[in-house]
Amino acid sequence: MPAAGRKRQRPLAEPEGQRLPSTHRLRKRVTITRVQDAGRRFVSGSIVMLVLPNTLGGRRMAVTVSTKVGNSVVRSKVKRWLRQVFRTRRDELPASVDVVLVARASAAQSSLARLTADFQQVASQARRASPPGAGR
């Protein structure tokens, strides 16, 4: 227990260079809703990926995990894992897209390796469906 008045030092979950920059995150509800309403839908295993082209020149993402996935501990784990997969595999997506990853109920029992494989599959589907010249 830290002494009174002192904050406890917590180790960083990820090294500074591996964090997902805030410029790669969708934060506003209106933006996320636009992707959900107008985006193309790709499904694989325990992930639904909604993709909508943007004009910003980068890949941005948001994660949605409903209570159907599990309790708050399970939902937080799934969100962390999906953010990690996006951070490490975002180059597999088309350039200049907004992405919303929706975890299905089966994501609660999935491993990180399974979520990574599912992400790679939906990213491949999204790349094939992107218009010619959209880049990678």
N, C-alpha and C. Protein backbone atom coordinates (compact mmCIF):
# COMPACT_ATOMS: atom_id res chain seq x y z
N MET A 1 0.85 -1.18 0.00
CA MET A 1 0.00 0.00 0.00
C MET A 1 0.89 1.24 0.00
N PRO A 2 0.63 2.20 -0.86
CA PRO A 2 1.43 3.41 -0.87
C PRO A 2 1.13 4.27 0.35
N ALA A 3 2.10 5.09 0.69
CA ALA A 3 1.91 6.00 1.82
C ALA A 3 0.80 6.98 1.49
N ALA A 4 0.17 7.53 2.53
CA ALA A 4 -0.93 8.46 2.33
C ALA A 4 -0.48 9.65 1.49
N GLY A 5 -1.28 10.00 0.51
CA GLY A 5 -0.97 11.15 -0.32
C GLY A 5 -0.08 10.86 -1.51
N ARG A 6 0.44 9.64 -1.60
CA ARG A 6 1.31 9.29 -2.74
C ARG A 6 0.55 8.38 -3.68
N LYS A 7 0.72 8.65 -4.96
CA LYS A 7 0.09 7.78 -5.95
C LYS A 7 0.96 6.57 -6.19
N ARG A 8 0.30 5.46 -6.39
CA ARG A 8 1.00 4.22 -6.67
C ARG A 8 1.46 4.21 -8.12
N GLN A 9 2.69 3.85 -8.36
CA GLN A 9 3.21 3.76 -9.71
C GLN A 9 2.72 2.47 -10.34
N ARG A 10 2.13 2.59 -11.52
CA ARG A 10 1.68 1.40 -12.25
C ARG A 10 2.55 1.24 -13.48
N PRO A 11 2.98 0.03 -13.77
CA PRO A 11 3.73 -0.15 -15.01
C PRO A 11 2.80 0.04 -16.20
N LEU A 12 3.36 0.55 -17.28
CA LEU A 12 2.56 0.73 -18.49
C LEU A 12 2.19 -0.63 -19.06
N ALA A 13 0.99 -0.73 -19.56
CA ALA A 13 0.54 -1.98 -20.16
C ALA A 13 1.29 -2.26 -21.46
N GLU A 14 1.64 -1.21 -22.17
CA GLU A 14 2.35 -1.36 -23.44
C GLU A 14 3.48 -0.34 -23.47
N PRO A 15 4.59 -0.68 -24.10
CA PRO A 15 5.63 0.33 -24.29
C PRO A 15 5.08 1.50 -25.09
N GLU A 16 5.60 2.68 -24.85
CA GLU A 16 5.08 3.91 -25.45
C GLU A 16 4.97 3.81 -26.97
N GLY A 17 5.95 3.20 -27.63
CA GLY A 17 5.94 3.13 -29.08
C GLY A 17 4.90 2.18 -29.65
N GLN A 18 4.27 1.37 -28.81
CA GLN A 18 3.30 0.39 -29.30
C GLN A 18 1.86 0.81 -29.06
N ARG A 19 1.66 1.95 -28.47
CA ARG A 19 0.29 2.39 -28.20
C ARG A 19 -0.40 2.81 -29.49
N LEU A 20 -1.70 2.67 -29.50
CA LEU A 20 -2.50 3.09 -30.64
C LEU A 20 -2.71 4.60 -30.51
N PRO A 21 -2.17 5.39 -31.44
CA PRO A 21 -2.31 6.85 -31.33
C PRO A 21 -3.78 7.26 -31.37
N SER A 22 -4.09 8.36 -30.71
CA SER A 22 -5.48 8.83 -30.67
C SER A 22 -5.99 9.20 -32.06
N THR A 23 -5.09 9.51 -32.99
CA THR A 23 -5.51 9.82 -34.35
C THR A 23 -6.03 8.58 -35.08
N HIS A 24 -5.77 7.40 -34.54
CA HIS A 24 -6.25 6.15 -35.14
C HIS A 24 -7.49 5.61 -34.46
N ARG A 25 -8.11 6.42 -33.60
CA ARG A 25 -9.30 5.98 -32.87
C ARG A 25 -10.52 6.78 -33.30
N LEU A 26 -11.64 6.10 -33.44
CA LEU A 26 -12.92 6.78 -33.64
C LEU A 26 -13.50 7.02 -32.25
N ARG A 27 -13.76 8.25 -31.91
CA ARG A 27 -14.22 8.56 -30.56
C ARG A 27 -15.65 9.09 -30.51
N LYS A 28 -16.07 9.80 -31.53
CA LYS A 28 -17.38 10.43 -31.49
C LYS A 28 -18.47 9.45 -31.90
N ARG A 29 -19.55 9.46 -31.17
CA ARG A 29 -20.67 8.56 -31.42
C ARG A 29 -21.22 8.74 -32.83
N VAL A 30 -21.29 9.98 -33.31
CA VAL A 30 -21.84 10.24 -34.63
C VAL A 30 -20.98 9.59 -35.72
N THR A 31 -19.68 9.58 -35.54
CA THR A 31 -18.78 8.95 -36.52
C THR A 31 -18.95 7.44 -36.50
N ILE A 32 -19.03 6.87 -35.31
CA ILE A 32 -19.20 5.42 -35.18
C ILE A 32 -20.54 5.00 -35.78
N THR A 33 -21.59 5.76 -35.51
CA THR A 33 -22.91 5.45 -36.05
C THR A 33 -22.91 5.54 -37.57
N ARG A 34 -22.19 6.52 -38.13
CA ARG A 34 -22.11 6.65 -39.59
C ARG A 34 -21.48 5.41 -40.21
N VAL A 35 -20.41 4.91 -39.58
CA VAL A 35 -19.76 3.69 -40.09
C VAL A 35 -20.71 2.51 -39.97
N GLN A 36 -21.42 2.40 -38.85
CA GLN A 36 -22.35 1.29 -38.66
C GLN A 36 -23.51 1.34 -39.65
N ASP A 37 -23.97 2.53 -40.00
CA ASP A 37 -25.11 2.66 -40.90
C ASP A 37 -24.72 2.52 -42.37
N ALA A 38 -23.59 3.11 -42.77
CA ALA A 38 -23.25 3.18 -44.19
C ALA A 38 -22.08 2.28 -44.59
N GLY A 39 -21.41 1.67 -43.62
CA GLY A 39 -20.22 0.88 -43.93
C GLY A 39 -20.53 -0.49 -44.50
N ARG A 40 -19.54 -1.04 -45.20
CA ARG A 40 -19.64 -2.42 -45.70
C ARG A 40 -19.39 -3.37 -44.55
N ARG A 41 -20.07 -4.49 -44.56
CA ARG A 41 -20.03 -5.44 -43.44
C ARG A 41 -19.29 -6.71 -43.87
N PHE A 42 -18.33 -7.12 -43.03
CA PHE A 42 -17.57 -8.35 -43.27
C PHE A 42 -17.59 -9.16 -41.98
N VAL A 43 -17.84 -10.47 -42.11
CA VAL A 43 -18.01 -11.32 -40.93
C VAL A 43 -17.05 -12.50 -40.99
N SER A 44 -16.44 -12.80 -39.85
CA SER A 44 -15.60 -13.99 -39.73
C SER A 44 -15.58 -14.43 -38.28
N GLY A 45 -16.06 -15.62 -38.02
CA GLY A 45 -15.99 -16.17 -36.67
C GLY A 45 -16.62 -15.27 -35.63
N SER A 46 -15.80 -14.71 -34.77
CA SER A 46 -16.30 -13.92 -33.65
C SER A 46 -16.18 -12.42 -33.86
N ILE A 47 -15.90 -11.98 -35.10
CA ILE A 47 -15.75 -10.55 -35.38
C ILE A 47 -16.65 -10.15 -36.55
N VAL A 48 -17.30 -9.01 -36.40
CA VAL A 48 -17.97 -8.34 -37.51
C VAL A 48 -17.21 -7.04 -37.72
N MET A 49 -16.75 -6.81 -38.95
CA MET A 49 -16.01 -5.59 -39.26
C MET A 49 -16.86 -4.74 -40.20
N LEU A 50 -17.08 -3.49 -39.81
CA LEU A 50 -17.79 -2.52 -40.64
C LEU A 50 -16.76 -1.52 -41.14
N VAL A 51 -16.71 -1.32 -42.45
CA VAL A 51 -15.66 -0.49 -43.06
C VAL A 51 -16.30 0.59 -43.91
N LEU A 52 -15.84 1.83 -43.73
CA LEU A 52 -16.31 2.96 -44.51
C LEU A 52 -15.11 3.80 -44.91
N PRO A 53 -14.95 4.08 -46.21
CA PRO A 53 -13.81 4.92 -46.64
C PRO A 53 -13.88 6.30 -45.99
N ASN A 54 -12.70 6.87 -45.71
CA ASN A 54 -12.63 8.24 -45.19
C ASN A 54 -11.71 9.06 -46.09
N THR A 55 -11.68 10.35 -45.87
CA THR A 55 -10.85 11.24 -46.68
C THR A 55 -9.62 11.70 -45.93
N LEU A 56 -9.34 11.11 -44.79
CA LEU A 56 -8.25 11.57 -43.94
C LEU A 56 -6.91 10.94 -44.27
N GLY A 57 -6.91 9.87 -45.05
CA GLY A 57 -5.66 9.23 -45.43
C GLY A 57 -5.12 8.23 -44.43
N GLY A 58 -5.89 7.88 -43.41
CA GLY A 58 -5.41 6.92 -42.42
C GLY A 58 -6.50 5.93 -42.04
N ARG A 59 -6.10 4.96 -41.25
CA ARG A 59 -7.04 3.94 -40.77
C ARG A 59 -7.41 4.28 -39.32
N ARG A 60 -8.71 4.39 -39.06
CA ARG A 60 -9.18 4.67 -37.70
C ARG A 60 -10.14 3.57 -37.29
N MET A 61 -10.24 3.32 -35.98
CA MET A 61 -11.08 2.21 -35.53
C MET A 61 -11.78 2.50 -34.22
N ALA A 62 -12.86 1.75 -34.02
CA ALA A 62 -13.58 1.72 -32.75
C ALA A 62 -13.97 0.27 -32.50
N VAL A 63 -14.16 -0.07 -31.24
CA VAL A 63 -14.54 -1.43 -30.87
C VAL A 63 -15.88 -1.37 -30.14
N THR A 64 -16.79 -2.27 -30.50
CA THR A 64 -18.08 -2.38 -29.83
C THR A 64 -18.22 -3.80 -29.29
N VAL A 65 -18.46 -3.89 -27.98
CA VAL A 65 -18.65 -5.19 -27.34
C VAL A 65 -19.89 -5.09 -26.46
N SER A 66 -20.94 -5.80 -26.83
CA SER A 66 -22.20 -5.71 -26.09
C SER A 66 -22.17 -6.62 -24.86
N THR A 67 -23.19 -6.49 -24.04
CA THR A 67 -23.29 -7.31 -22.84
C THR A 67 -23.54 -8.78 -23.17
N LYS A 68 -23.89 -9.09 -24.42
CA LYS A 68 -24.08 -10.48 -24.83
C LYS A 68 -22.76 -11.24 -24.78
N VAL A 69 -21.65 -10.52 -24.84
CA VAL A 69 -20.33 -11.15 -24.84
C VAL A 69 -19.98 -11.67 -23.45
N GLY A 70 -20.40 -10.97 -22.42
CA GLY A 70 -20.10 -11.43 -21.06
C GLY A 70 -20.12 -10.28 -20.08
N ASN A 71 -19.56 -10.54 -18.90
CA ASN A 71 -19.53 -9.50 -17.88
C ASN A 71 -18.45 -8.47 -18.23
N SER A 72 -18.31 -7.46 -17.40
CA SER A 72 -17.41 -6.35 -17.74
C SER A 72 -15.95 -6.78 -17.86
N VAL A 73 -15.55 -7.76 -17.08
CA VAL A 73 -14.17 -8.24 -17.15
C VAL A 73 -13.90 -8.89 -18.51
N VAL A 74 -14.82 -9.72 -18.95
CA VAL A 74 -14.68 -10.40 -20.24
C VAL A 74 -14.74 -9.38 -21.37
N ARG A 75 -15.69 -8.44 -21.30
CA ARG A 75 -15.82 -7.43 -22.35
C ARG A 75 -14.55 -6.58 -22.45
N SER A 76 -13.99 -6.21 -21.33
CA SER A 76 -12.76 -5.41 -21.34
C SER A 76 -11.60 -6.19 -21.96
N LYS A 77 -11.51 -7.47 -21.65
CA LYS A 77 -10.45 -8.30 -22.23
C LYS A 77 -10.60 -8.37 -23.74
N VAL A 78 -11.81 -8.60 -24.20
CA VAL A 78 -12.06 -8.69 -25.65
C VAL A 78 -11.73 -7.36 -26.32
N LYS A 79 -12.12 -6.24 -25.71
CA LYS A 79 -11.79 -4.93 -26.29
C LYS A 79 -10.29 -4.71 -26.36
N ARG A 80 -9.58 -5.06 -25.30
CA ARG A 80 -8.11 -4.91 -25.30
C ARG A 80 -7.49 -5.73 -26.41
N TRP A 81 -7.94 -6.98 -26.54
CA TRP A 81 -7.38 -7.86 -27.56
C TRP A 81 -7.68 -7.35 -28.96
N LEU A 82 -8.90 -6.88 -29.20
CA LEU A 82 -9.24 -6.37 -30.53
C LEU A 82 -8.44 -5.10 -30.86
N ARG A 83 -8.24 -4.23 -29.87
CA ARG A 83 -7.40 -3.05 -30.11
C ARG A 83 -5.97 -3.47 -30.44
N GLN A 84 -5.47 -4.47 -29.73
CA GLN A 84 -4.11 -4.96 -29.98
C GLN A 84 -4.00 -5.54 -31.38
N VAL A 85 -4.98 -6.33 -31.78
CA VAL A 85 -4.95 -6.93 -33.12
C VAL A 85 -4.98 -5.82 -34.18
N PHE A 86 -5.84 -4.82 -34.00
CA PHE A 86 -5.89 -3.72 -34.96
C PHE A 86 -4.55 -2.99 -35.00
N ARG A 87 -3.98 -2.72 -33.85
CA ARG A 87 -2.72 -1.99 -33.78
C ARG A 87 -1.61 -2.72 -34.52
N THR A 88 -1.55 -4.03 -34.38
CA THR A 88 -0.47 -4.79 -34.99
C THR A 88 -0.75 -5.21 -36.43
N ARG A 89 -2.02 -5.21 -36.84
CA ARG A 89 -2.38 -5.72 -38.17
C ARG A 89 -3.09 -4.69 -39.04
N ARG A 90 -3.10 -3.42 -38.67
CA ARG A 90 -3.88 -2.43 -39.42
C ARG A 90 -3.40 -2.24 -40.85
N ASP A 91 -2.13 -2.57 -41.12
CA ASP A 91 -1.62 -2.43 -42.49
C ASP A 91 -2.26 -3.43 -43.45
N GLU A 92 -2.96 -4.42 -42.93
CA GLU A 92 -3.65 -5.39 -43.78
C GLU A 92 -4.98 -4.86 -44.31
N LEU A 93 -5.41 -3.70 -43.79
CA LEU A 93 -6.66 -3.09 -44.23
C LEU A 93 -6.40 -2.15 -45.40
N PRO A 94 -7.44 -1.82 -46.17
CA PRO A 94 -7.28 -0.80 -47.20
C PRO A 94 -6.88 0.53 -46.56
N ALA A 95 -6.21 1.37 -47.33
CA ALA A 95 -5.83 2.69 -46.82
C ALA A 95 -7.07 3.57 -46.69
N SER A 96 -7.02 4.53 -45.80
CA SER A 96 -8.07 5.55 -45.64
C SER A 96 -9.45 4.96 -45.38
N VAL A 97 -9.57 4.21 -44.30
CA VAL A 97 -10.87 3.66 -43.92
C VAL A 97 -11.13 3.88 -42.44
N ASP A 98 -12.41 3.99 -42.10
CA ASP A 98 -12.86 3.96 -40.72
C ASP A 98 -13.41 2.56 -40.48
N VAL A 99 -13.03 1.96 -39.37
CA VAL A 99 -13.40 0.57 -39.07
C VAL A 99 -14.08 0.51 -37.70
N VAL A 100 -15.19 -0.19 -37.63
CA VAL A 100 -15.81 -0.52 -36.35
C VAL A 100 -15.77 -2.04 -36.23
N LEU A 101 -15.11 -2.52 -35.18
CA LEU A 101 -15.05 -3.96 -34.91
C LEU A 101 -16.12 -4.28 -33.88
N VAL A 102 -16.99 -5.21 -34.22
CA VAL A 102 -18.06 -5.63 -33.31
C VAL A 102 -17.76 -7.06 -32.89
N ALA A 103 -17.64 -7.27 -31.59
CA ALA A 103 -17.38 -8.62 -31.07
C ALA A 103 -18.70 -9.37 -30.96
N ARG A 104 -18.71 -10.59 -31.47
CA ARG A 104 -19.88 -11.45 -31.32
C ARG A 104 -19.75 -12.20 -29.99
N ALA A 105 -20.83 -12.84 -29.57
CA ALA A 105 -20.84 -13.54 -28.28
C ALA A 105 -19.74 -14.59 -28.20
N SER A 106 -19.40 -15.21 -29.32
CA SER A 106 -18.36 -16.25 -29.31
C SER A 106 -16.97 -15.69 -29.02
N ALA A 107 -16.80 -14.38 -29.08
CA ALA A 107 -15.49 -13.77 -28.79
C ALA A 107 -15.08 -14.00 -27.33
N ALA A 108 -16.05 -14.21 -26.45
CA ALA A 108 -15.75 -14.42 -25.04
C ALA A 108 -14.91 -15.68 -24.82
N GLN A 109 -15.12 -16.70 -25.65
CA GLN A 109 -14.37 -17.94 -25.52
C GLN A 109 -13.18 -18.01 -26.48
N SER A 110 -12.98 -16.99 -27.29
CA SER A 110 -11.90 -17.00 -28.28
C SER A 110 -10.57 -16.62 -27.64
N SER A 111 -9.51 -17.17 -28.20
CA SER A 111 -8.16 -16.79 -27.77
C SER A 111 -7.71 -15.59 -28.60
N LEU A 112 -6.60 -14.98 -28.19
CA LEU A 112 -6.03 -13.87 -28.95
C LEU A 112 -5.64 -14.35 -30.35
N ALA A 113 -5.11 -15.56 -30.45
CA ALA A 113 -4.74 -16.10 -31.76
C ALA A 113 -5.97 -16.27 -32.65
N ARG A 114 -7.08 -16.72 -32.09
CA ARG A 114 -8.31 -16.89 -32.87
C ARG A 114 -8.84 -15.54 -33.33
N LEU A 115 -8.82 -14.53 -32.44
CA LEU A 115 -9.28 -13.19 -32.83
C LEU A 115 -8.38 -12.60 -33.91
N THR A 116 -7.07 -12.87 -33.82
CA THR A 116 -6.14 -12.40 -34.84
C THR A 116 -6.45 -13.04 -36.19
N ALA A 117 -6.70 -14.34 -36.19
CA ALA A 117 -7.03 -15.04 -37.43
C ALA A 117 -8.35 -14.52 -38.02
N ASP A 118 -9.33 -14.28 -37.16
CA ASP A 118 -10.61 -13.74 -37.64
C ASP A 118 -10.40 -12.34 -38.22
N PHE A 119 -9.58 -11.52 -37.56
CA PHE A 119 -9.30 -10.18 -38.07
C PHE A 119 -8.63 -10.25 -39.43
N GLN A 120 -7.65 -11.14 -39.57
CA GLN A 120 -6.96 -11.26 -40.85
C GLN A 120 -7.93 -11.67 -41.96
N GLN A 121 -8.88 -12.52 -41.63
CA GLN A 121 -9.84 -12.96 -42.64
C GLN A 121 -10.76 -11.82 -43.07
N VAL A 122 -11.29 -11.05 -42.11
CA VAL A 122 -12.18 -9.94 -42.49
C VAL A 122 -11.39 -8.82 -43.16
N ALA A 123 -10.13 -8.61 -42.75
CA ALA A 123 -9.29 -7.60 -43.41
C ALA A 123 -9.04 -7.99 -44.86
N SER A 124 -8.84 -9.27 -45.10
CA SER A 124 -8.64 -9.75 -46.47
C SER A 124 -9.91 -9.54 -47.30
N GLN A 125 -11.06 -9.81 -46.72
CA GLN A 125 -12.33 -9.57 -47.41
C GLN A 125 -12.50 -8.09 -47.74
N ALA A 126 -12.16 -7.23 -46.78
CA ALA A 126 -12.29 -5.78 -46.98
C ALA A 126 -11.33 -5.29 -48.06
N ARG A 127 -10.13 -5.84 -48.08
CA ARG A 127 -9.14 -5.45 -49.09
C ARG A 127 -9.62 -5.84 -50.49
N ARG A 128 -10.15 -7.05 -50.62
CA ARG A 128 -10.65 -7.51 -51.92
C ARG A 128 -11.85 -6.68 -52.38
N ALA A 129 -12.66 -6.20 -51.44
CA ALA A 129 -13.86 -5.43 -51.79
C ALA A 129 -13.57 -3.95 -52.02
N SER A 130 -12.37 -3.49 -51.64
CA SER A 130 -12.07 -2.06 -51.80
C SER A 130 -11.91 -1.74 -53.28
N PRO A 131 -12.25 -0.51 -53.67
CA PRO A 131 -12.15 -0.14 -55.08
C PRO A 131 -10.71 -0.15 -55.57
N PRO A 132 -10.48 -0.42 -56.86
CA PRO A 132 -9.12 -0.41 -57.40
C PRO A 132 -8.47 0.94 -57.18
N GLY A 133 -7.19 0.91 -56.87
CA GLY A 133 -6.45 2.15 -56.64
C GLY A 133 -6.60 2.70 -55.24
N ALA A 134 -7.34 2.01 -54.38
CA ALA A 134 -7.53 2.49 -53.01
C ALA A 134 -6.27 2.32 -52.19
N GLY A 135 -5.34 1.49 -52.66
CA GLY A 135 -4.09 1.32 -51.94
C GLY A 135 -4.21 0.35 -50.80
N ARG A 136 -3.08 0.11 -50.18
CA ARG A 136 -3.06 -0.81 -49.06
C ARG A 136 -2.41 -0.21 -47.87
